C-alpha atoms as a PDB file:
ATOM      1  CA  MET A   1     -30.382-151.551 -48.510  1.00  0.00           C
ATOM      2  CA  ARG A   2     -34.120-151.669 -49.062  1.00  0.00           C
ATOM      3  CA  VAL A   3     -34.679-148.189 -47.626  1.00  0.00           C
ATOM      4  CA  LYS A   4     -31.982-146.722 -49.874  1.00  0.00           C
ATOM      5  CA  THR A   5     -33.453-148.469 -52.931  1.00  0.00           C
ATOM      6  CA  LYS A   6     -36.973-147.246 -52.164  1.00  0.00           C
ATOM      7  CA  PHE A   7     -35.674-143.737 -51.576  1.00  0.00           C
ATOM      8  CA  GLY A   8     -33.727-143.853 -54.870  1.00  0.00           C
ATOM      9  CA  VAL A   9     -36.782-145.006 -56.822  1.00  0.00           C
ATOM     10  CA  PHE A  10     -38.984-142.394 -55.148  1.00  0.00           C
ATOM     11  CA  PHE A  11     -36.462-139.641 -55.874  1.00  0.00           C
ATOM     12  CA  SER A  12     -36.078-140.751 -59.513  1.00  0.00           C
ATOM     13  CA  VAL A  13     -39.842-140.779 -60.114  1.00  0.00           C
ATOM     14  CA  PHE A  14     -40.201-137.403 -58.422  1.00  0.00           C
ATOM     15  CA  ALA A  15     -37.376-135.955 -60.567  1.00  0.00           C
ATOM     16  CA  VAL A  16     -38.918-137.240 -63.821  1.00  0.00           C
ATOM     17  CA  ILE A  17     -42.341-135.838 -62.911  1.00  0.00           C
ATOM     18  CA  GLY A  18     -40.777-132.503 -61.953  1.00  0.00           C
ATOM     19  CA  ILE A  19     -38.858-132.230 -65.224  1.00  0.00           C
ATOM     20  CA  ALA A  20     -41.980-133.121 -67.231  1.00  0.00           C
ATOM     21  CA  LEU A  21     -44.032-130.478 -65.404  1.00  0.00           C
ATOM     22  CA  VAL A  22     -41.422-127.785 -65.944  1.00  0.00           C
ATOM     23  CA  GLY A  23     -41.239-128.631 -69.656  1.00  0.00           C
ATOM     24  CA  PHE A  24     -45.018-128.616 -69.972  1.00  0.00           C
ATOM     25  CA  MET A  25     -45.388-125.305 -68.161  1.00  0.00           C
ATOM     26  CA  GLN A  26     -42.710-123.588 -70.268  1.00  0.00           C
ATOM     27  CA  LYS A  27     -44.361-124.475 -73.564  1.00  0.00           C
ATOM     28  CA  GLU A  28     -46.586-121.626 -74.714  1.00  0.00           C
ATOM     29  CA  PRO A  29     -50.190-122.712 -75.119  1.00  0.00           C
ATOM     30  CA  TYR A  30     -51.461-122.836 -78.698  1.00  0.00           C
ATOM     31  CA  SER A  31     -53.244-119.832 -80.099  1.00  0.00           C
ATOM     32  CA  THR A  32     -53.826-118.477 -83.570  1.00  0.00           C
ATOM     33  CA  GLU A  33     -52.266-115.197 -82.444  1.00  0.00           C
ATOM     34  CA  ALA A  34     -49.091-116.948 -81.283  1.00  0.00           C
ATOM     35  CA  VAL A  35     -48.672-118.670 -84.656  1.00  0.00           C
ATOM     36  CA  MET A  36     -49.245-115.419 -86.535  1.00  0.00           C
ATOM     37  CA  ASP A  37     -46.815-113.582 -84.239  1.00  0.00           C
ATOM     38  CA  SER A  38     -44.190-116.291 -84.803  1.00  0.00           C
ATOM     39  CA  LEU A  39     -44.123-115.344 -88.498  1.00  0.00           C
ATOM     40  CA  TRP A  40     -42.163-112.232 -87.537  1.00  0.00           C
ATOM     41  CA  ASP A  41     -39.391-114.374 -86.024  1.00  0.00           C
ATOM     42  CA  ASN A  42     -39.332-117.051 -88.722  1.00  0.00           C
ATOM     43  CA  HIS A  43     -40.038-115.188 -91.976  1.00  0.00           C
ATOM     44  CA  ASN A  44     -39.527-111.813 -93.615  1.00  0.00           C
ATOM     45  CA  VAL A  45     -43.109-110.530 -93.469  1.00  0.00           C
ATOM     46  CA  GLN A  46     -44.338-106.986 -93.935  1.00  0.00           C
ATOM     47  CA  SER A  47     -47.635-107.306 -92.071  1.00  0.00           C
ATOM     48  CA  THR A  48     -49.973-109.839 -90.484  1.00  0.00           C
ATOM     49  CA  SER A  49     -53.562-109.603 -89.381  1.00  0.00           C
ATOM     50  CA  ILE A  50     -56.396-111.783 -88.162  1.00  0.00           C
ATOM     51  CA  GLY A  51     -59.794-110.752 -89.455  1.00  0.00           C
ATOM     52  CA  ASP A  52     -62.308-109.630 -86.851  1.00  0.00           C
ATOM     53  CA  THR A  53     -65.379-109.679 -89.069  1.00  0.00           C
ATOM     54  CA  ASP A  54     -64.050-111.903 -91.878  1.00  0.00           C
ATOM     55  CA  SER A  55     -62.477-115.280 -91.188  1.00  0.00           C
ATOM     56  CA  VAL A  56     -59.203-114.292 -92.839  1.00  0.00           C
ATOM     57  CA  LEU A  57     -55.551-114.622 -91.903  1.00  0.00           C
ATOM     58  CA  ASP A  58     -53.862-111.917 -93.969  1.00  0.00           C
ATOM     59  CA  VAL A  59     -50.081-111.792 -94.485  1.00  0.00           C
ATOM     60  CA  SER A  60     -48.058-109.613 -96.827  1.00  0.00           C
ATOM     61  CA  VAL A  61     -44.452-110.476 -97.646  1.00  0.00           C
ATOM     62  CA  TYR A  62     -41.699-108.465 -99.314  1.00  0.00           C
ATOM     63  CA  GLU A  63     -40.699-111.046-101.922  1.00  0.00           C
ATOM     64  CA  GLU A  64     -42.877-113.145-104.223  1.00  0.00           C
ATOM     65  CA  LYS A  65     -40.719-116.199-103.454  1.00  0.00           C
ATOM     66  CA  ASP A  66     -41.709-116.027 -99.766  1.00  0.00           C
ATOM     67  CA  ILE A  67     -45.415-116.569-100.420  1.00  0.00           C
ATOM     68  CA  THR A  68     -45.230-120.365-100.760  1.00  0.00           C
ATOM     69  CA  GLU A  69     -42.890-120.622 -97.767  1.00  0.00           C
ATOM     70  CA  VAL A  70     -45.208-118.588 -95.508  1.00  0.00           C
ATOM     71  CA  GLU A  71     -48.311-120.489 -96.662  1.00  0.00           C
ATOM     72  CA  SER A  72     -46.545-123.777 -95.934  1.00  0.00           C
ATOM     73  CA  TYR A  73     -45.440-122.535 -92.500  1.00  0.00           C
ATOM     74  CA  LEU A  74     -48.993-121.531 -91.600  1.00  0.00           C
ATOM     75  CA  LYS A  75     -50.478-124.813 -92.833  1.00  0.00           C
ATOM     76  CA  ASN A  76     -47.956-126.747 -90.732  1.00  0.00           C
ATOM     77  CA  ASN A  77     -48.363-124.672 -87.564  1.00  0.00           C
ATOM     78  CA  LEU A  78     -52.034-123.710 -87.424  1.00  0.00           C
ATOM     79  CA  SER A  79     -54.535-126.127 -85.950  1.00  0.00           C
ATOM     80  CA  LYS A  80     -56.868-128.101 -88.185  1.00  0.00           C
ATOM     81  CA  GLU A  81     -59.758-126.056 -86.801  1.00  0.00           C
ATOM     82  CA  ASP A  82     -58.046-122.772 -87.714  1.00  0.00           C
ATOM     83  CA  LEU A  83     -57.330-124.018 -91.235  1.00  0.00           C
ATOM     84  CA  GLU A  84     -60.988-124.902 -91.670  1.00  0.00           C
ATOM     85  CA  HIS A  85     -62.231-121.631 -90.133  1.00  0.00           C
ATOM     86  CA  TYR A  86     -59.842-119.086 -91.670  1.00  0.00           C
ATOM     87  CA  LYS A  87     -58.966-118.349 -95.265  1.00  0.00           C
ATOM     88  CA  LEU A  88     -55.215-117.859 -95.713  1.00  0.00           C
ATOM     89  CA  ILE A  89     -54.245-114.836 -97.770  1.00  0.00           C
ATOM     90  CA  VAL A  90     -50.548-114.341 -98.456  1.00  0.00           C
ATOM     91  CA  TYR A  91     -49.406-111.810-101.063  1.00  0.00           C
ATOM     92  CA  ARG A  92     -46.493-109.550-101.999  1.00  0.00           C
ATOM     93  CA  TYR A  93     -46.225-106.092-100.427  1.00  0.00           C
ATOM     94  CA  SER A  94     -45.597-103.049-102.597  1.00  0.00           C
ATOM     95  CA  GLU A  95     -45.003 -99.434-101.629  1.00  0.00           C
ATOM     96  CA  ASN A  96     -47.176 -98.459-104.573  1.00  0.00           C
ATOM     97  CA  GLN A  97     -50.730 -98.422-103.195  1.00  0.00           C
ATOM     98  CA  TRP A  98     -52.314 -99.566-106.471  1.00  0.00           C
ATOM     99  CA  GLU A  99     -49.826-102.386-107.013  1.00  0.00           C
ATOM    100  CA  PHE A 100     -50.275-103.493-103.408  1.00  0.00           C
ATOM    101  CA  ARG A 101     -54.057-103.566-103.824  1.00  0.00           C
ATOM    102  CA  GLU A 102     -53.713-105.440-107.126  1.00  0.00           C
ATOM    103  CA  ASN A 103     -51.453-108.040-105.490  1.00  0.00           C
ATOM    104  CA  ALA A 104     -53.989-108.595-102.728  1.00  0.00           C
ATOM    105  CA  GLN A 105     -56.931-108.745-105.108  1.00  0.00           C
ATOM    106  CA  GLY A 106     -55.212-110.763-107.796  1.00  0.00           C
ATOM    107  CA  LYS A 107     -54.996-113.934-105.761  1.00  0.00           C
ATOM    108  CA  HIS A 108     -58.121-113.572-103.607  1.00  0.00           C
ATOM    109  CA  LYS A 109     -60.789-111.599-105.442  1.00  0.00           C
ATOM    110  CA  SER A 110     -63.612-112.872-103.236  1.00  0.00           C
ATOM    111  CA  VAL A 111     -62.121-111.339-100.093  1.00  0.00           C
ATOM    112  CA  TYR A 112     -61.092-107.927-101.414  1.00  0.00           C
ATOM    113  CA  LYS A 113     -63.673-105.964-103.393  1.00  0.00           C
END
């Protein structure tokens, strides 16, 4: 009986470790790009970009009502370091070039000149 018990305990521990490793390996590592890309699956966005020269995360949405939702999503999913490093810019898209520019500038005048 002792050999069967030891084998059962060994097998159980091995199974738990194996399941934990598989779960850990399947989870995508955190990256700012992954969070920004996940916006496309979770929200109705028109465009996203991560600033190369400016520390800006820029997102345009189709509807004004989506702005708060997208900002909240980003604040909940980005790391603390990203939130301190990047400025979040979320605004409404418009097919009219001047209206689009006004929407982007209206909320964040210091970024767009």
